[in-house]
Amino acid sequence: MRIAVFGGIGRLAKEFVLSAVSSSHEIAWFLQPGDEPGLTDNQHLRVVRGATNDISKYQETVSGAASVFVSFDPLHTDPRQFVYQQKMIVLAMKRESVSRL
């Protein structure tokens, strides 16, 4: 299954990505420039780097995804940024025809 992952390099996102790639899921992980996931190269992991205002990078991340996983840390993220990124993810999903449950 192809899974799009949004969320920085915190423990929950990393654990999810590690578990998914170990089960041979194809992962597209959106990270901001400067975020280093600390994961070794894996044929099932593709990191998409982009600024939070670049809708094309959100779309690249969700394109073809069967599932979207979002793991933002509300304690370390400005609430306005948190809400903005959620809106960008939903917009990208609509543009790429990725269903939202």
C-alpha atoms as a PDB file:
ATOM      1  CA  MET A   1       0.000   0.000   0.000  1.00  0.00           C
ATOM      2  CA  ARG A   2       1.188   3.505  -0.726  1.00  0.00           C
ATOM      3  CA  ILE A   3       0.997   5.760   2.332  1.00  0.00           C
ATOM      4  CA  ALA A   4       1.597   9.507   2.530  1.00  0.00           C
ATOM      5  CA  VAL A   5       3.063  10.663   5.836  1.00  0.00           C
ATOM      6  CA  PHE A   6       2.971  14.208   7.180  1.00  0.00           C
ATOM      7  CA  GLY A   7       4.645  15.043  10.438  1.00  0.00           C
ATOM      8  CA  GLY A   8       8.140  15.932  11.334  1.00  0.00           C
ATOM      9  CA  ILE A   9      10.798  13.746  12.725  1.00  0.00           C
ATOM     10  CA  GLY A  10       9.190  13.043  16.085  1.00  0.00           C
ATOM     11  CA  ARG A  11       8.950   9.628  17.644  1.00  0.00           C
ATOM     12  CA  LEU A  12       5.419   8.755  16.478  1.00  0.00           C
ATOM     13  CA  ALA A  13       6.041   9.594  12.816  1.00  0.00           C
ATOM     14  CA  LYS A  14       9.397   7.780  12.818  1.00  0.00           C
ATOM     15  CA  GLU A  15       7.932   4.660  14.445  1.00  0.00           C
ATOM     16  CA  PHE A  16       5.055   4.642  11.971  1.00  0.00           C
ATOM     17  CA  VAL A  17       7.402   5.001   8.990  1.00  0.00           C
ATOM     18  CA  LEU A  18       9.757   2.289  10.293  1.00  0.00           C
ATOM     19  CA  SER A  19       6.872  -0.103  10.850  1.00  0.00           C
ATOM     20  CA  ALA A  20       5.338   0.614   7.447  1.00  0.00           C
ATOM     21  CA  VAL A  21       8.550   0.184   5.439  1.00  0.00           C
ATOM     22  CA  SER A  22       9.396  -3.003   7.331  1.00  0.00           C
ATOM     23  CA  SER A  23       6.035  -4.323   6.100  1.00  0.00           C
ATOM     24  CA  SER A  24       6.980  -3.305   2.524  1.00  0.00           C
ATOM     25  CA  HIS A  25       4.519  -0.418   2.306  1.00  0.00           C
ATOM     26  CA  GLU A  26       5.568   2.385  -0.045  1.00  0.00           C
ATOM     27  CA  ILE A  27       5.986   5.572   1.996  1.00  0.00           C
ATOM     28  CA  ALA A  28       6.117   9.159   0.767  1.00  0.00           C
ATOM     29  CA  TRP A  29       7.160  11.305   3.746  1.00  0.00           C
ATOM     30  CA  PHE A  30       6.771  15.087   3.583  1.00  0.00           C
ATOM     31  CA  LEU A  31       9.506  16.875   5.511  1.00  0.00           C
ATOM     32  CA  GLN A  32      10.467  20.498   5.692  1.00  0.00           C
ATOM     33  CA  PRO A  33      13.940  21.525   4.538  1.00  0.00           C
ATOM     34  CA  GLY A  34      16.413  20.857   7.332  1.00  0.00           C
ATOM     35  CA  ASP A  35      14.433  18.001   8.897  1.00  0.00           C
ATOM     36  CA  GLU A  36      16.601  14.901   8.980  1.00  0.00           C
ATOM     37  CA  PRO A  37      14.698  11.677   9.577  1.00  0.00           C
ATOM     38  CA  GLY A  38      17.796   9.752  10.655  1.00  0.00           C
ATOM     39  CA  LEU A  39      16.610   6.669   8.817  1.00  0.00           C
ATOM     40  CA  THR A  40      18.856   4.645   6.577  1.00  0.00           C
ATOM     41  CA  ASP A  41      18.086   4.477   2.886  1.00  0.00           C
ATOM     42  CA  ASN A  42      15.191   2.176   2.200  1.00  0.00           C
ATOM     43  CA  GLN A  43      13.754   1.216  -1.154  1.00  0.00           C
ATOM     44  CA  HIS A  44      10.233   1.704   0.245  1.00  0.00           C
ATOM     45  CA  LEU A  45      10.819   5.230   1.590  1.00  0.00           C
ATOM     46  CA  ARG A  46      10.757   8.408  -0.454  1.00  0.00           C
ATOM     47  CA  VAL A  47      11.267  11.729   1.319  1.00  0.00           C
ATOM     48  CA  VAL A  48       9.549  14.738  -0.248  1.00  0.00           C
ATOM     49  CA  ARG A  49      11.091  17.997   0.933  1.00  0.00           C
ATOM     50  CA  GLY A  50       9.212  21.223   0.665  1.00  0.00           C
ATOM     51  CA  ALA A  51       8.184  24.435   2.310  1.00  0.00           C
ATOM     52  CA  THR A  52       4.879  24.395   4.163  1.00  0.00           C
ATOM     53  CA  ASN A  53       3.377  26.813   1.617  1.00  0.00           C
ATOM     54  CA  ASP A  54       4.285  24.730  -1.473  1.00  0.00           C
ATOM     55  CA  ILE A  55       1.078  22.915  -2.460  1.00  0.00           C
ATOM     56  CA  SER A  56       2.906  21.038  -5.228  1.00  0.00           C
ATOM     57  CA  LYS A  57       4.990  19.183  -2.608  1.00  0.00           C
ATOM     58  CA  TYR A  58       1.877  18.232  -0.659  1.00  0.00           C
ATOM     59  CA  GLN A  59       0.346  16.953  -3.896  1.00  0.00           C
ATOM     60  CA  GLU A  60       3.523  15.046  -4.756  1.00  0.00           C
ATOM     61  CA  THR A  61       3.363  13.390  -1.338  1.00  0.00           C
ATOM     62  CA  VAL A  62      -0.286  12.283  -1.558  1.00  0.00           C
ATOM     63  CA  SER A  63      -0.338  11.382  -5.249  1.00  0.00           C
ATOM     64  CA  GLY A  64      -1.378   7.746  -5.595  1.00  0.00           C
ATOM     65  CA  ALA A  65      -1.691   7.224  -1.845  1.00  0.00           C
ATOM     66  CA  ALA A  66      -4.239   4.797  -0.477  1.00  0.00           C
ATOM     67  CA  SER A  67      -3.848   6.295   2.992  1.00  0.00           C
ATOM     68  CA  VAL A  68      -2.628   9.526   4.579  1.00  0.00           C
ATOM     69  CA  PHE A  69      -1.043   9.565   8.051  1.00  0.00           C
ATOM     70  CA  VAL A  70      -0.704  12.906   9.865  1.00  0.00           C
ATOM     71  CA  SER A  71       1.347  13.196  13.041  1.00  0.00           C
ATOM     72  CA  PHE A  72       1.907  16.804  14.013  1.00  0.00           C
ATOM     73  CA  ASP A  73       3.083  17.623  17.508  1.00  0.00           C
ATOM     74  CA  PRO A  74       0.705  20.290  18.839  1.00  0.00           C
ATOM     75  CA  LEU A  75       3.039  20.974  21.761  1.00  0.00           C
ATOM     76  CA  HIS A  76       5.919  21.991  19.499  1.00  0.00           C
ATOM     77  CA  THR A  77       4.009  23.415  16.533  1.00  0.00           C
ATOM     78  CA  ASP A  78       2.507  26.875  16.330  1.00  0.00           C
ATOM     79  CA  PRO A  79      -1.283  26.253  16.280  1.00  0.00           C
ATOM     80  CA  ARG A  80      -1.702  28.528  13.252  1.00  0.00           C
ATOM     81  CA  GLN A  81       0.886  26.462  11.341  1.00  0.00           C
ATOM     82  CA  PHE A  82      -0.796  23.241  12.459  1.00  0.00           C
ATOM     83  CA  VAL A  83      -4.180  24.384  11.088  1.00  0.00           C
ATOM     84  CA  TYR A  84      -2.598  25.773   7.894  1.00  0.00           C
ATOM     85  CA  GLN A  85      -0.803  22.509   7.125  1.00  0.00           C
ATOM     86  CA  GLN A  86      -3.955  20.475   7.757  1.00  0.00           C
ATOM     87  CA  LYS A  87      -5.779  22.644   5.207  1.00  0.00           C
ATOM     88  CA  MET A  88      -2.951  22.192   2.704  1.00  0.00           C
ATOM     89  CA  ILE A  89      -3.070  18.404   3.140  1.00  0.00           C
ATOM     90  CA  VAL A  90      -6.839  18.293   2.582  1.00  0.00           C
ATOM     91  CA  LEU A  91      -6.519  20.537  -0.494  1.00  0.00           C
ATOM     92  CA  ALA A  92      -3.760  18.332  -1.931  1.00  0.00           C
ATOM     93  CA  MET A  93      -5.864  15.230  -1.281  1.00  0.00           C
ATOM     94  CA  LYS A  94      -8.820  16.781  -3.143  1.00  0.00           C
ATOM     95  CA  ARG A  95      -6.622  17.791  -6.080  1.00  0.00           C
ATOM     96  CA  GLU A  96      -5.116  14.299  -6.272  1.00  0.00           C
ATOM     97  CA  SER A  97      -8.491  12.540  -5.747  1.00  0.00           C
ATOM     98  CA  VAL A  98      -7.353  10.848  -2.533  1.00  0.00           C
ATOM     99  CA  SER A  99     -10.435   9.911  -0.495  1.00  0.00           C
ATOM    100  CA  ARG A 100     -10.879  11.218   2.994  1.00  0.00           C
ATOM    101  CA  LEU A 101     -12.619   8.940   5.493  1.00  0.00           C
END
